C-alpha atoms as a PDB file:
ATOM      1  CA  MET A   1       5.772 -20.229  10.701  1.00  0.00           C
ATOM      2  CA  THR A   2       3.312 -18.104  12.614  1.00  0.00           C
ATOM      3  CA  MET A   3       2.431 -15.056  10.549  1.00  0.00           C
ATOM      4  CA  ILE A   4      -0.064 -12.457  11.686  1.00  0.00           C
ATOM      5  CA  ILE A   5      -1.167  -9.088  10.365  1.00  0.00           C
ATOM      6  CA  ARG A   6      -1.898  -6.524  13.062  1.00  0.00           C
ATOM      7  CA  LYS A   7      -2.179  -2.818  13.634  1.00  0.00           C
ATOM      8  CA  SER A   8       1.187  -1.113  14.028  1.00  0.00           C
ATOM      9  CA  ASN A   9       2.247   0.692  17.150  1.00  0.00           C
ATOM     10  CA  ARG A  10       5.015   3.156  17.981  1.00  0.00           C
ATOM     11  CA  ASP A  11       7.343   0.270  18.970  1.00  0.00           C
ATOM     12  CA  ASP A  12       7.180  -0.919  15.322  1.00  0.00           C
ATOM     13  CA  ILE A  13       8.594   2.319  13.903  1.00  0.00           C
ATOM     14  CA  PRO A  14      12.237   1.106  13.738  1.00  0.00           C
ATOM     15  CA  ALA A  15      11.214  -2.094  11.961  1.00  0.00           C
ATOM     16  CA  ILE A  16       8.910  -0.197   9.565  1.00  0.00           C
ATOM     17  CA  MET A  17      11.711   2.252   8.761  1.00  0.00           C
ATOM     18  CA  ALA A  18      14.096  -0.616   8.126  1.00  0.00           C
ATOM     19  CA  ILE A  19      11.587  -2.070   5.653  1.00  0.00           C
ATOM     20  CA  VAL A  20      11.202   1.346   4.063  1.00  0.00           C
ATOM     21  CA  ALA A  21      14.986   1.558   3.687  1.00  0.00           C
ATOM     22  CA  ASP A  22      15.008  -1.886   2.036  1.00  0.00           C
ATOM     23  CA  ALA A  23      12.245  -0.748  -0.361  1.00  0.00           C
ATOM     24  CA  GLN A  24      14.072   2.510  -1.164  1.00  0.00           C
ATOM     25  CA  ALA A  25      17.258   0.574  -2.000  1.00  0.00           C
ATOM     26  CA  SER A  26      15.361  -1.970  -4.058  1.00  0.00           C
ATOM     27  CA  LEU A  27      13.522   0.706  -6.048  1.00  0.00           C
ATOM     28  CA  ARG A  28      16.811   2.610  -6.580  1.00  0.00           C
ATOM     29  CA  SER A  29      18.509  -0.549  -7.887  1.00  0.00           C
ATOM     30  CA  GLN A  30      15.658  -0.946 -10.426  1.00  0.00           C
ATOM     31  CA  GLY A  31      16.063   2.651 -11.554  1.00  0.00           C
ATOM     32  CA  VAL A  32      12.710   3.701 -10.031  1.00  0.00           C
ATOM     33  CA  ASP A  33      12.799   7.153  -8.471  1.00  0.00           C
ATOM     34  CA  GLN A  34       9.856   6.380  -6.161  1.00  0.00           C
ATOM     35  CA  TRP A  35      10.698   6.961  -2.454  1.00  0.00           C
ATOM     36  CA  GLN A  36      14.091   8.351  -3.353  1.00  0.00           C
ATOM     37  CA  ASP A  37      13.560  11.743  -1.664  1.00  0.00           C
ATOM     38  CA  GLY A  38      13.516  10.559   1.959  1.00  0.00           C
ATOM     39  CA  TYR A  39       9.806   9.699   1.865  1.00  0.00           C
ATOM     40  CA  PRO A  40       8.209   8.161   3.811  1.00  0.00           C
ATOM     41  CA  THR A  41       9.669   9.791   6.868  1.00  0.00           C
ATOM     42  CA  VAL A  42       9.391   8.763  10.540  1.00  0.00           C
ATOM     43  CA  ASP A  43       6.836  11.563  10.885  1.00  0.00           C
ATOM     44  CA  VAL A  44       4.710  10.068   8.085  1.00  0.00           C
ATOM     45  CA  ILE A  45       4.843   6.613   9.645  1.00  0.00           C
ATOM     46  CA  THR A  46       4.077   8.057  13.109  1.00  0.00           C
ATOM     47  CA  LYS A  47       1.038   9.823  11.675  1.00  0.00           C
ATOM     48  CA  ASP A  48      -0.121   6.595   9.948  1.00  0.00           C
ATOM     49  CA  ILE A  49       0.024   4.859  13.358  1.00  0.00           C
ATOM     50  CA  ALA A  50      -1.760   7.749  15.104  1.00  0.00           C
ATOM     51  CA  ASN A  51      -4.474   7.619  12.427  1.00  0.00           C
ATOM     52  CA  ASP A  52      -4.921   3.880  13.176  1.00  0.00           C
ATOM     53  CA  ASP A  53      -4.190   3.076   9.488  1.00  0.00           C
ATOM     54  CA  SER A  54      -0.803   1.338   9.765  1.00  0.00           C
ATOM     55  CA  TYR A  55      -0.475  -2.430   9.673  1.00  0.00           C
ATOM     56  CA  VAL A  56       2.430  -4.831   9.871  1.00  0.00           C
ATOM     57  CA  LEU A  57       2.809  -8.484   8.984  1.00  0.00           C
ATOM     58  CA  GLU A  58       5.026 -10.312  11.435  1.00  0.00           C
ATOM     59  CA  ASP A  59       6.527 -13.776  11.347  1.00  0.00           C
ATOM     60  CA  GLU A  60       7.492 -15.294  14.710  1.00  0.00           C
ATOM     61  CA  GLY A  61       7.413 -11.786  16.198  1.00  0.00           C
ATOM     62  CA  VAL A  62       9.597 -10.204  13.506  1.00  0.00           C
ATOM     63  CA  VAL A  63       7.993  -7.428  11.435  1.00  0.00           C
ATOM     64  CA  ILE A  64       8.588  -8.260   7.751  1.00  0.00           C
ATOM     65  CA  ALA A  65       6.003  -6.216   5.862  1.00  0.00           C
ATOM     66  CA  THR A  66       4.020  -3.033   6.287  1.00  0.00           C
ATOM     67  CA  ALA A  67       1.177  -1.130   4.646  1.00  0.00           C
ATOM     68  CA  VAL A  68      -1.299   1.627   5.276  1.00  0.00           C
ATOM     69  CA  ILE A  69      -4.929   0.579   4.848  1.00  0.00           C
ATOM     70  CA  SER A  70      -7.146   3.608   5.145  1.00  0.00           C
ATOM     71  CA  PHE A  71     -10.881   4.216   4.964  1.00  0.00           C
ATOM     72  CA  ALA A  72     -10.414   7.998   5.118  1.00  0.00           C
ATOM     73  CA  GLY A  73     -10.213   8.566   1.352  1.00  0.00           C
ATOM     74  CA  GLU A  74      -7.360  10.173  -0.553  1.00  0.00           C
ATOM     75  CA  VAL A  75      -7.529  13.812  -1.577  1.00  0.00           C
ATOM     76  CA  THR A  76      -5.315  13.263  -4.597  1.00  0.00           C
ATOM     77  CA  TYR A  77      -7.850  10.752  -5.967  1.00  0.00           C
ATOM     78  CA  ASN A  78     -10.470  13.504  -6.319  1.00  0.00           C
ATOM     79  CA  SER A  79      -9.009  14.388  -9.700  1.00  0.00           C
ATOM     80  CA  ILE A  80      -7.924  11.728 -12.144  1.00  0.00           C
ATOM     81  CA  ASP A  81      -6.790  11.859 -15.771  1.00  0.00           C
ATOM     82  CA  GLY A  82      -8.935   8.887 -16.646  1.00  0.00           C
ATOM     83  CA  GLN A  83     -11.927   7.502 -14.774  1.00  0.00           C
ATOM     84  CA  TRP A  84     -12.480   5.546 -11.608  1.00  0.00           C
ATOM     85  CA  LEU A  85     -14.723   2.478 -11.949  1.00  0.00           C
ATOM     86  CA  ASN A  86     -17.295   4.143  -9.660  1.00  0.00           C
ATOM     87  CA  ASP A  87     -17.661   6.869  -7.075  1.00  0.00           C
ATOM     88  CA  ASN A  88     -18.451   4.580  -4.147  1.00  0.00           C
ATOM     89  CA  ASP A  89     -16.593   4.504  -0.837  1.00  0.00           C
ATOM     90  CA  TYR A  90     -13.193   2.832  -1.061  1.00  0.00           C
ATOM     91  CA  VAL A  91     -10.204   1.616   0.908  1.00  0.00           C
ATOM     92  CA  VAL A  92      -6.828   2.967  -0.121  1.00  0.00           C
ATOM     93  CA  VAL A  93      -3.571   1.063   0.321  1.00  0.00           C
ATOM     94  CA  HIS A  94      -0.390   3.111   0.622  1.00  0.00           C
ATOM     95  CA  ARG A  95       3.219   2.494   1.561  1.00  0.00           C
ATOM     96  CA  LEU A  96       3.159  -1.273   0.995  1.00  0.00           C
ATOM     97  CA  ALA A  97       6.668  -2.650   1.534  1.00  0.00           C
ATOM     98  CA  VAL A  98       8.303  -5.932   2.366  1.00  0.00           C
ATOM     99  CA  ARG A  99      11.707  -6.594   4.072  1.00  0.00           C
ATOM    100  CA  ASN A 100      14.274  -7.595   1.417  1.00  0.00           C
ATOM    101  CA  SER A 101      14.963 -10.910   3.184  1.00  0.00           C
ATOM    102  CA  ALA A 102      11.279 -11.836   2.761  1.00  0.00           C
ATOM    103  CA  LEU A 103      10.717 -10.759  -0.860  1.00  0.00           C
ATOM    104  CA  ARG A 104       9.091 -13.185  -3.255  1.00  0.00           C
ATOM    105  CA  GLY A 105       7.246 -14.843  -0.401  1.00  0.00           C
ATOM    106  CA  GLY A 106       3.828 -13.521  -1.377  1.00  0.00           C
ATOM    107  CA  LEU A 107       3.718 -11.132   1.559  1.00  0.00           C
ATOM    108  CA  ALA A 108       2.711  -8.078  -0.461  1.00  0.00           C
ATOM    109  CA  ARG A 109      -0.137 -10.155  -1.855  1.00  0.00           C
ATOM    110  CA  GLN A 110      -1.150 -11.195   1.679  1.00  0.00           C
ATOM    111  CA  MET A 111      -1.240  -7.537   2.738  1.00  0.00           C
ATOM    112  CA  MET A 112      -3.432  -6.631  -0.232  1.00  0.00           C
ATOM    113  CA  LEU A 113      -5.780  -9.557   0.431  1.00  0.00           C
ATOM    114  CA  TYR A 114      -5.985  -8.426   4.071  1.00  0.00           C
ATOM    115  CA  ALA A 115      -7.011  -4.953   2.892  1.00  0.00           C
ATOM    116  CA  GLU A 116      -9.731  -6.579   0.827  1.00  0.00           C
ATOM    117  CA  GLU A 117     -10.917  -8.548   3.880  1.00  0.00           C
ATOM    118  CA  LEU A 118     -11.035  -5.384   6.042  1.00  0.00           C
ATOM    119  CA  ALA A 119     -12.923  -3.527   3.321  1.00  0.00           C
ATOM    120  CA  LEU A 120     -15.559  -6.227   2.984  1.00  0.00           C
ATOM    121  CA  GLN A 121     -15.925  -6.472   6.794  1.00  0.00           C
ATOM    122  CA  ARG A 122     -16.863  -2.773   6.777  1.00  0.00           C
ATOM    123  CA  GLY A 123     -19.177  -3.077   3.763  1.00  0.00           C
ATOM    124  CA  VAL A 124     -16.786  -1.315   1.360  1.00  0.00           C
ATOM    125  CA  ASN A 125     -16.468  -2.986  -2.006  1.00  0.00           C
ATOM    126  CA  ASN A 126     -13.706  -0.897  -3.652  1.00  0.00           C
ATOM    127  CA  ILE A 127      -9.980  -0.618  -3.232  1.00  0.00           C
ATOM    128  CA  ARG A 128      -7.900   2.089  -4.866  1.00  0.00           C
ATOM    129  CA  VAL A 129      -4.115   2.171  -5.145  1.00  0.00           C
ATOM    130  CA  ASP A 130      -1.577   4.320  -6.925  1.00  0.00           C
ATOM    131  CA  THR A 131       2.031   3.568  -7.806  1.00  0.00           C
ATOM    132  CA  HIS A 132       4.970   4.909  -9.771  1.00  0.00           C
ATOM    133  CA  ASN A 133       4.848   4.333 -13.515  1.00  0.00           C
ATOM    134  CA  ASP A 134       8.176   2.501 -13.303  1.00  0.00           C
ATOM    135  CA  ASN A 135       7.255   0.301 -10.303  1.00  0.00           C
ATOM    136  CA  ILE A 136       6.685  -2.829 -12.397  1.00  0.00           C
ATOM    137  CA  ALA A 137       6.612  -5.178  -9.368  1.00  0.00           C
ATOM    138  CA  MET A 138       3.662  -3.300  -7.809  1.00  0.00           C
ATOM    139  CA  GLN A 139       1.859  -3.080 -11.132  1.00  0.00           C
ATOM    140  CA  SER A 140       2.334  -6.824 -11.656  1.00  0.00           C
ATOM    141  CA  LEU A 141       0.909  -7.499  -8.166  1.00  0.00           C
ATOM    142  CA  LEU A 142      -2.093  -5.268  -8.858  1.00  0.00           C
ATOM    143  CA  ASN A 143      -2.727  -6.904 -12.234  1.00  0.00           C
ATOM    144  CA  ASN A 144      -2.490 -10.379 -10.718  1.00  0.00           C
ATOM    145  CA  LEU A 145      -5.001  -9.416  -8.038  1.00  0.00           C
ATOM    146  CA  GLY A 146      -7.508  -8.164 -10.571  1.00  0.00           C
ATOM    147  CA  PHE A 147      -7.008  -4.405 -10.265  1.00  0.00           C
ATOM    148  CA  VAL A 148      -7.964  -2.257 -13.257  1.00  0.00           C
ATOM    149  CA  PHE A 149      -5.854   0.662 -14.500  1.00  0.00           C
ATOM    150  CA  CYS A 150      -8.019   3.786 -14.221  1.00  0.00           C
ATOM    151  CA  GLY A 151      -5.668   6.637 -15.163  1.00  0.00           C
ATOM    152  CA  GLU A 152      -3.158   9.018 -13.679  1.00  0.00           C
ATOM    153  CA  ILE A 153      -3.350  11.073 -10.494  1.00  0.00           C
ATOM    154  CA  THR A 154      -1.033  13.761  -9.205  1.00  0.00           C
ATOM    155  CA  LEU A 155       0.388  13.630  -5.696  1.00  0.00           C
ATOM    156  CA  LEU A 156       0.432  16.760  -3.531  1.00  0.00           C
ATOM    157  CA  SER A 157       4.148  16.957  -4.310  1.00  0.00           C
ATOM    158  CA  GLY A 158       3.250  17.271  -7.998  1.00  0.00           C
ATOM    159  CA  ALA A 159       4.584  13.824  -8.893  1.00  0.00           C
ATOM    160  CA  PRO A 160       2.448  11.754 -11.266  1.00  0.00           C
ATOM    161  CA  ARG A 161       1.237   8.278 -10.275  1.00  0.00           C
ATOM    162  CA  ILE A 162      -0.785   5.662 -12.115  1.00  0.00           C
ATOM    163  CA  ALA A 163      -3.992   4.666 -10.377  1.00  0.00           C
ATOM    164  CA  PHE A 164      -5.823   1.360 -10.078  1.00  0.00           C
ATOM    165  CA  GLN A 165      -9.118   0.191  -8.621  1.00  0.00           C
ATOM    166  CA  LYS A 166     -10.612  -3.176  -7.776  1.00  0.00           C
ATOM    167  CA  LEU A 167     -14.274  -3.958  -7.222  1.00  0.00           C
ATOM    168  CA  LEU A 168     -14.705  -6.512  -4.484  1.00  0.00           C
ATOM    169  CA  ALA A 169     -17.329  -9.263  -4.597  1.00  0.00           C
ATOM    170  CA  VAL A 170     -19.734  -8.708  -1.726  1.00  0.00           C
ATOM    171  CA  GLY A 171     -20.690 -11.853   0.093  1.00  0.00           C
ATOM    172  CA  HIS A 172     -17.394 -13.691  -0.249  1.00  0.00           C
END
């Protein structure tokens, strides 16, 4: 298998939206109301690509995972019911999803580790992530990767999300 992680482009939008649809169905089957309102839309994904923040993992040329890895900050993280580990610059990971046919293959973990690698390459030693309180799979991934629960944030839509942060070891 030849797997690579690369920046997304407009040609990837259909594959990304198919992965999003898989994730929406999976979350729905688990009784999680995250992503059940049509989000993320094609417009959101198009903006991620335009902002140069969208990445895909492909295997033999087939896109099987996607994530946003952004250095631009996250306005909803400015206020937290709890406390971040520090106030330093951070990378944020959003919209992490894996094609159903590739679940349980460690691909979400690979995408998160790639985000850590990008952060360290740019001298940023913090990653922040938020997820739905009922998204146990994502919480498990974050816990296994050493993320620390920091509190609750509120999305611009008004929806609550639980927030996590990881301090990265510089020099690794």
